[in-house]
Amino acid sequence: MSRPMAFGSRAHQVAMFVVFESPLQMMCDSPTLYKKEQETTDFITQIPTTWDETVVLKAAVSDYIVLARRKGEIWFLGAMTDWTARDFDIDLSFLGEGKYDIQIFRDGINTDRNAMDYKFEKDIVQKDSKIHMSMSSGGGWAAIIKKE
């Protein structure tokens, strides 16, 4: 089976919408694939192009980045790695009091063999929560956090 190639996994491409500052965002891959995967389109259309606050949580130049950005009351997390698979535990102490809904777009279990494999999840978090993120080689991770 022939699969189109892009730099990194589908989750890596989605994380770019949070990590990179750009007033004009672009989708990689064929737009028809996004129509087939509506949850991807629904996720990225929630990501703004300007930010009120940016917090770098973990980073090593040219290796990986994990950052949180805030627009109004909503937090966005983006993480990308190079060709080394990585795992991080992220502290959410930057959140305010109360409970938050989190939508997570992450590498799937087969991402190392198929870059288009991803997992979409929802959960509840608060400021004392820790999130485990696992990224495949060339992988990524993104989240949208909204107060309940």
C-alpha atoms as a PDB file:
ATOM      1  CA  MET A   1       0.000   0.000   0.000  1.00  0.00           C
ATOM      2  CA  SER A   2       1.315   3.424  -0.943  1.00  0.00           C
ATOM      3  CA  ARG A   3       1.074   6.119   1.731  1.00  0.00           C
ATOM      4  CA  PRO A   4       1.990   9.793   1.184  1.00  0.00           C
ATOM      5  CA  MET A   5       5.009  10.982   3.128  1.00  0.00           C
ATOM      6  CA  ALA A   6       5.221  14.029   5.373  1.00  0.00           C
ATOM      7  CA  PHE A   7       7.693  15.076   8.051  1.00  0.00           C
ATOM      8  CA  GLY A   8       6.607  13.222  11.178  1.00  0.00           C
ATOM      9  CA  SER A   9       3.401  11.599  12.314  1.00  0.00           C
ATOM     10  CA  ARG A  10      -0.173  12.891  12.019  1.00  0.00           C
ATOM     11  CA  ALA A  11      -0.017  13.932  15.712  1.00  0.00           C
ATOM     12  CA  HIS A  12       3.294  15.718  14.996  1.00  0.00           C
ATOM     13  CA  GLN A  13       1.612  17.668  12.192  1.00  0.00           C
ATOM     14  CA  VAL A  14      -1.321  18.591  14.474  1.00  0.00           C
ATOM     15  CA  ALA A  15       1.085  19.692  17.250  1.00  0.00           C
ATOM     16  CA  MET A  16       2.706  22.126  14.789  1.00  0.00           C
ATOM     17  CA  PHE A  17      -0.491  24.205  14.928  1.00  0.00           C
ATOM     18  CA  VAL A  18       0.234  24.867  18.626  1.00  0.00           C
ATOM     19  CA  VAL A  19       4.040  24.970  18.606  1.00  0.00           C
ATOM     20  CA  PHE A  20       4.671  27.218  15.599  1.00  0.00           C
ATOM     21  CA  GLU A  21       3.562  30.849  15.599  1.00  0.00           C
ATOM     22  CA  SER A  22       1.869  31.470  12.295  1.00  0.00           C
ATOM     23  CA  PRO A  23      -1.044  33.711  11.302  1.00  0.00           C
ATOM     24  CA  LEU A  24      -1.725  31.348   8.375  1.00  0.00           C
ATOM     25  CA  GLN A  25      -2.022  27.661   9.174  1.00  0.00           C
ATOM     26  CA  MET A  26      -1.829  24.889   6.602  1.00  0.00           C
ATOM     27  CA  MET A  27      -2.784  21.235   6.682  1.00  0.00           C
ATOM     28  CA  CYS A  28      -0.357  18.639   5.435  1.00  0.00           C
ATOM     29  CA  ASP A  29      -1.587  15.736   3.324  1.00  0.00           C
ATOM     30  CA  SER A  30      -4.615  15.608   1.093  1.00  0.00           C
ATOM     31  CA  PRO A  31      -7.700  17.569   2.291  1.00  0.00           C
ATOM     32  CA  THR A  32      -9.853  14.530   1.439  1.00  0.00           C
ATOM     33  CA  LEU A  33      -8.111  12.578   4.207  1.00  0.00           C
ATOM     34  CA  TYR A  34      -9.116  15.230   6.717  1.00  0.00           C
ATOM     35  CA  LYS A  35     -12.710  14.942   5.552  1.00  0.00           C
ATOM     36  CA  LYS A  36     -12.530  11.202   6.288  1.00  0.00           C
ATOM     37  CA  GLU A  37     -11.076  11.940   9.740  1.00  0.00           C
ATOM     38  CA  GLN A  38     -13.444  14.670  10.927  1.00  0.00           C
ATOM     39  CA  GLU A  39     -12.098  14.593  14.501  1.00  0.00           C
ATOM     40  CA  THR A  40      -8.720  15.818  13.192  1.00  0.00           C
ATOM     41  CA  THR A  41     -10.351  18.758  11.426  1.00  0.00           C
ATOM     42  CA  ASP A  42     -12.570  19.505  14.437  1.00  0.00           C
ATOM     43  CA  PHE A  43      -9.485  19.515  16.677  1.00  0.00           C
ATOM     44  CA  ILE A  44      -7.286  21.826  14.609  1.00  0.00           C
ATOM     45  CA  THR A  45     -10.061  24.306  13.862  1.00  0.00           C
ATOM     46  CA  GLN A  46     -10.188  25.069  17.611  1.00  0.00           C
ATOM     47  CA  ILE A  47      -6.529  26.178  17.660  1.00  0.00           C
ATOM     48  CA  PRO A  48      -6.052  29.965  17.380  1.00  0.00           C
ATOM     49  CA  THR A  49      -3.242  31.722  15.518  1.00  0.00           C
ATOM     50  CA  THR A  50      -2.404  34.291  18.226  1.00  0.00           C
ATOM     51  CA  TRP A  51      -1.682  33.701  21.915  1.00  0.00           C
ATOM     52  CA  ASP A  52      -1.981  35.516  25.255  1.00  0.00           C
ATOM     53  CA  GLU A  53       0.680  33.469  27.063  1.00  0.00           C
ATOM     54  CA  THR A  54       3.305  30.848  26.234  1.00  0.00           C
ATOM     55  CA  VAL A  55       5.069  28.570  28.722  1.00  0.00           C
ATOM     56  CA  VAL A  56       7.862  26.232  27.602  1.00  0.00           C
ATOM     57  CA  LEU A  57       7.558  23.110  29.755  1.00  0.00           C
ATOM     58  CA  LYS A  58      10.439  21.040  28.339  1.00  0.00           C
ATOM     59  CA  ALA A  59      12.754  21.592  25.394  1.00  0.00           C
ATOM     60  CA  ALA A  60      16.098  20.785  23.838  1.00  0.00           C
ATOM     61  CA  VAL A  61      16.995  22.663  20.658  1.00  0.00           C
ATOM     62  CA  SER A  62      16.499  20.492  17.543  1.00  0.00           C
ATOM     63  CA  ASP A  63      15.494  17.472  19.681  1.00  0.00           C
ATOM     64  CA  TYR A  64      12.077  18.092  21.252  1.00  0.00           C
ATOM     65  CA  ILE A  65       9.683  20.699  22.595  1.00  0.00           C
ATOM     66  CA  VAL A  66       6.715  20.620  24.971  1.00  0.00           C
ATOM     67  CA  LEU A  67       4.896  23.906  25.461  1.00  0.00           C
ATOM     68  CA  ALA A  68       1.625  25.305  26.747  1.00  0.00           C
ATOM     69  CA  ARG A  69      -0.101  28.297  25.184  1.00  0.00           C
ATOM     70  CA  ARG A  70      -3.113  30.178  26.499  1.00  0.00           C
ATOM     71  CA  LYS A  71      -5.726  32.073  24.534  1.00  0.00           C
ATOM     72  CA  GLY A  72      -8.300  33.628  26.853  1.00  0.00           C
ATOM     73  CA  GLU A  73      -9.344  30.913  29.313  1.00  0.00           C
ATOM     74  CA  ILE A  74      -8.303  27.974  27.102  1.00  0.00           C
ATOM     75  CA  TRP A  75      -4.919  26.229  27.257  1.00  0.00           C
ATOM     76  CA  PHE A  76      -3.318  24.420  24.321  1.00  0.00           C
ATOM     77  CA  LEU A  77      -0.426  21.978  24.689  1.00  0.00           C
ATOM     78  CA  GLY A  78       1.856  21.008  21.847  1.00  0.00           C
ATOM     79  CA  ALA A  79       4.759  18.574  21.829  1.00  0.00           C
ATOM     80  CA  MET A  80       7.027  17.408  19.026  1.00  0.00           C
ATOM     81  CA  THR A  81      10.073  15.170  18.908  1.00  0.00           C
ATOM     82  CA  ASP A  82      12.764  14.506  16.349  1.00  0.00           C
ATOM     83  CA  TRP A  83      13.420  10.948  15.164  1.00  0.00           C
ATOM     84  CA  THR A  84      13.892   9.722  18.744  1.00  0.00           C
ATOM     85  CA  ALA A  85      10.820   8.337  20.510  1.00  0.00           C
ATOM     86  CA  ARG A  86      10.256  10.125  23.845  1.00  0.00           C
ATOM     87  CA  ASP A  87       8.092   9.981  26.969  1.00  0.00           C
ATOM     88  CA  PHE A  88       7.367  12.884  29.312  1.00  0.00           C
ATOM     89  CA  ASP A  89       5.293  13.411  32.435  1.00  0.00           C
ATOM     90  CA  ILE A  90       3.856  16.924  32.368  1.00  0.00           C
ATOM     91  CA  ASP A  91       2.724  18.851  35.450  1.00  0.00           C
ATOM     92  CA  LEU A  92      -0.438  20.919  34.892  1.00  0.00           C
ATOM     93  CA  SER A  93       0.170  23.335  37.786  1.00  0.00           C
ATOM     94  CA  PHE A  94      -0.203  26.294  35.374  1.00  0.00           C
ATOM     95  CA  LEU A  95      -3.986  25.667  35.333  1.00  0.00           C
ATOM     96  CA  GLY A  96      -6.274  27.581  37.686  1.00  0.00           C
ATOM     97  CA  GLU A  97      -8.535  26.034  40.306  1.00  0.00           C
ATOM     98  CA  GLY A  98     -11.342  23.720  39.261  1.00  0.00           C
ATOM     99  CA  LYS A  99     -11.822  20.912  36.771  1.00  0.00           C
ATOM    100  CA  TYR A 100     -10.980  21.044  33.090  1.00  0.00           C
ATOM    101  CA  ASP A 101     -12.025  19.028  30.043  1.00  0.00           C
ATOM    102  CA  ILE A 102      -9.041  17.896  28.012  1.00  0.00           C
ATOM    103  CA  GLN A 103      -9.017  16.699  24.414  1.00  0.00           C
ATOM    104  CA  ILE A 104      -5.835  14.836  23.480  1.00  0.00           C
ATOM    105  CA  PHE A 105      -4.546  14.112  19.987  1.00  0.00           C
ATOM    106  CA  ARG A 106      -1.564  11.746  20.209  1.00  0.00           C
ATOM    107  CA  ASP A 107       0.455   9.152  18.343  1.00  0.00           C
ATOM    108  CA  GLY A 108      -1.309   5.813  18.027  1.00  0.00           C
ATOM    109  CA  ILE A 109       0.044   2.412  18.951  1.00  0.00           C
ATOM    110  CA  ASN A 110       1.144   1.736  15.347  1.00  0.00           C
ATOM    111  CA  THR A 111       2.595   5.164  14.542  1.00  0.00           C
ATOM    112  CA  ASP A 112       6.095   3.724  14.245  1.00  0.00           C
ATOM    113  CA  ARG A 113       4.855   1.715  11.218  1.00  0.00           C
ATOM    114  CA  ASN A 114       2.142   4.060   9.912  1.00  0.00           C
ATOM    115  CA  ALA A 115       2.622   7.807  10.492  1.00  0.00           C
ATOM    116  CA  MET A 116      -1.105   8.405   9.951  1.00  0.00           C
ATOM    117  CA  ASP A 117      -2.046   6.338  13.029  1.00  0.00           C
ATOM    118  CA  TYR A 118      -3.275   8.500  15.905  1.00  0.00           C
ATOM    119  CA  LYS A 119      -5.492   8.331  18.981  1.00  0.00           C
ATOM    120  CA  PHE A 120      -8.044  10.941  20.081  1.00  0.00           C
ATOM    121  CA  GLU A 121      -9.064  10.932  23.749  1.00  0.00           C
ATOM    122  CA  LYS A 122     -11.032  13.034  26.215  1.00  0.00           C
ATOM    123  CA  ASP A 123     -10.603  13.228  29.986  1.00  0.00           C
ATOM    124  CA  ILE A 124     -10.924  15.519  33.027  1.00  0.00           C
ATOM    125  CA  VAL A 125      -7.853  17.140  34.646  1.00  0.00           C
ATOM    126  CA  GLN A 126      -7.046  19.747  37.283  1.00  0.00           C
ATOM    127  CA  LYS A 127      -3.994  21.749  38.331  1.00  0.00           C
ATOM    128  CA  ASP A 128      -2.565  18.916  40.468  1.00  0.00           C
ATOM    129  CA  SER A 129      -2.864  16.420  37.572  1.00  0.00           C
ATOM    130  CA  LYS A 130       0.108  15.049  35.693  1.00  0.00           C
ATOM    131  CA  ILE A 131      -0.180  13.902  32.093  1.00  0.00           C
ATOM    132  CA  HIS A 132       1.960  11.196  30.552  1.00  0.00           C
ATOM    133  CA  MET A 133       2.787  11.824  26.927  1.00  0.00           C
ATOM    134  CA  SER A 134       4.449   9.282  24.696  1.00  0.00           C
ATOM    135  CA  MET A 135       5.699  10.207  21.234  1.00  0.00           C
ATOM    136  CA  SER A 136       6.908   7.855  18.522  1.00  0.00           C
ATOM    137  CA  SER A 137       9.941   8.597  16.375  1.00  0.00           C
ATOM    138  CA  GLY A 138       9.000  11.778  14.473  1.00  0.00           C
ATOM    139  CA  GLY A 139       5.920  11.955  16.665  1.00  0.00           C
ATOM    140  CA  GLY A 140       3.815  14.525  18.406  1.00  0.00           C
ATOM    141  CA  TRP A 141       1.146  15.202  20.982  1.00  0.00           C
ATOM    142  CA  ALA A 142      -1.419  18.002  21.294  1.00  0.00           C
ATOM    143  CA  ALA A 143      -4.172  18.900  23.746  1.00  0.00           C
ATOM    144  CA  ILE A 144      -6.896  21.475  24.261  1.00  0.00           C
ATOM    145  CA  ILE A 145      -7.818  22.196  27.890  1.00  0.00           C
ATOM    146  CA  LYS A 146     -11.066  24.041  28.704  1.00  0.00           C
ATOM    147  CA  LYS A 147     -12.541  24.808  32.118  1.00  0.00           C
ATOM    148  CA  GLU A 148     -15.713  22.788  32.827  1.00  0.00           C
END
